[in-house]
Protein backbone atom coordinates (compact mmCIF):
# COMPACT_ATOMS: atom_id res chain seq x y z
CA UNK A 1 0.05 -0.07 0.32
CA UNK A 2 2.46 2.49 1.00
CA UNK A 3 4.44 1.61 -2.58
CA UNK A 4 1.05 2.93 -4.19
CA UNK A 5 0.73 5.81 -2.22
CA UNK A 6 3.97 7.07 -3.23
CA UNK A 7 4.27 6.04 -6.74
CA UNK A 8 0.47 8.18 -7.13
CA UNK A 9 1.66 11.20 -4.66
CA UNK A 10 5.47 11.40 -6.70
CA UNK A 11 4.42 10.76 -10.44
CA UNK A 12 3.83 13.50 -12.46
CA UNK A 13 0.13 13.90 -13.16
CA UNK A 14 0.30 13.47 -17.15
CA UNK A 15 -1.70 11.13 -19.00
CA UNK A 16 0.22 8.24 -18.49
CA UNK A 17 1.61 8.74 -14.45
CA UNK A 18 -1.87 10.02 -12.92
CA UNK A 19 -0.31 11.25 -9.99
CA UNK A 20 0.05 14.25 -8.10
CA UNK A 21 3.35 15.25 -8.61
CA UNK A 22 4.52 16.16 -4.84
CA UNK A 23 7.48 17.10 -4.44
CA UNK A 24 8.10 15.34 -0.95
CA UNK A 25 6.58 12.87 0.72
CA UNK A 26 7.76 12.85 4.42
CA UNK A 27 7.43 9.50 7.39
CA UNK A 28 7.54 10.12 10.41
CA UNK A 29 8.40 7.07 13.51
CA UNK A 30 9.12 6.75 17.59
CA UNK A 31 12.91 6.68 16.75
CA UNK A 32 12.82 2.92 19.01
CA UNK A 33 9.92 1.73 15.92
CA UNK A 34 12.45 -0.22 13.38
CA UNK A 35 10.28 -1.83 11.52
CA UNK A 36 8.81 1.31 10.54
CA UNK A 37 12.00 3.32 9.83
CA UNK A 38 13.36 0.35 8.01
CA UNK A 39 10.05 -0.28 5.55
CA UNK A 40 10.56 3.63 4.85
CA UNK A 41 14.09 3.32 4.08
CA UNK A 42 12.89 0.02 2.42
CA UNK A 43 10.66 2.07 0.10
CA UNK A 44 13.35 4.39 -0.57
CA UNK A 45 13.33 7.20 1.89
CA UNK A 46 16.09 8.65 3.86
CA UNK A 47 16.95 9.59 7.62
CA UNK A 48 16.72 13.44 7.18
CA UNK A 49 16.83 13.82 11.30
CA UNK A 50 15.59 12.98 14.73
CA UNK A 51 13.17 15.51 16.88
CA UNK A 52 13.70 15.05 20.70
CA UNK A 53 11.29 15.28 23.57
CA UNK A 54 8.66 14.82 20.21
CA UNK A 55 5.85 13.20 22.52
CA UNK A 56 4.71 12.58 25.66
CA UNK A 57 4.08 8.65 25.43
CA UNK A 58 0.73 6.74 27.85
CA UNK A 59 1.45 5.20 30.73
CA UNK A 60 2.19 1.52 30.03
CA UNK A 61 4.13 2.74 26.54
CA UNK A 62 7.85 3.26 28.45
CA UNK A 63 9.08 0.82 26.20
CA UNK A 64 9.31 3.40 23.15
CA UNK A 65 10.67 6.41 24.84
CA UNK A 66 14.07 7.96 24.60
CA UNK A 67 15.58 6.33 27.75
CA UNK A 68 15.76 9.88 29.19
CA UNK A 69 14.58 10.78 32.69
CA UNK A 70 12.27 13.64 33.28
CA UNK A 71 13.21 16.58 34.95
CA UNK A 72 12.38 16.81 38.83
CA UNK A 73 8.60 18.92 39.11
CA UNK A 74 7.60 17.49 35.78
CA UNK A 75 3.66 17.84 35.96
CA UNK A 76 4.20 14.46 34.07
CA UNK A 77 7.01 13.53 35.32
CA UNK A 78 5.77 9.63 35.89
CA UNK A 79 5.52 9.69 31.95
CA UNK A 80 8.40 9.58 29.46
CA UNK A 81 8.82 11.18 26.48
CA UNK A 82 9.52 9.87 22.98
CA UNK A 83 11.86 10.98 19.82
CA UNK A 84 10.69 11.07 16.30
CA UNK A 85 12.55 9.93 13.55
CA UNK A 86 12.07 11.91 10.05
CA UNK A 87 12.48 10.34 6.88
CA UNK A 88 11.35 11.70 3.47
CA UNK A 89 11.93 11.38 -0.28
CA UNK A 90 12.02 13.82 -2.61
CA UNK A 91 10.86 14.51 -6.81
CA UNK A 92 14.61 13.99 -7.75
CA UNK A 93 15.64 10.89 -5.59
CA UNK A 94 12.22 9.54 -6.84
CA UNK A 95 13.49 10.49 -10.89
CA UNK A 96 16.75 9.13 -10.53
CA UNK A 97 15.90 5.41 -9.53
CA UNK A 98 13.44 5.69 -6.82
CA UNK A 99 10.95 4.48 -8.98
CA UNK A 100 12.72 2.17 -10.54
CA UNK A 101 13.42 0.65 -7.04
CA UNK A 102 10.10 0.61 -6.27
CA UNK A 103 8.79 -0.82 -9.17
CA UNK A 104 10.93 -3.72 -8.31
CA UNK A 105 9.76 -3.78 -5.42
CA UNK A 106 5.95 -3.79 -6.40
CA UNK A 107 6.59 -6.88 -9.26
CA UNK A 108 7.92 -9.21 -6.66
């Protein structure tokens, strides 16, 4: 499904491709979600950065935390924080091999 969405988003809106012609598609995942990050990279996206302390995790979701303790006096001190990985693919990467790589994956 992700491959089909990338194809639709990045292909040009010509008669043959019928895409949106977007210049960039971005993916976000908690840094501990290795499966999600791996899938994005398999689809041709590159790691662009890390957004530290991107959110507060709900109680019971500590396994996704960034591993850092909260500061003393934090009103949500019992809840861990999570970092978010940012990945993306842009139109030039798409046209310079990303599209071909994705088509090979989709044909398997």
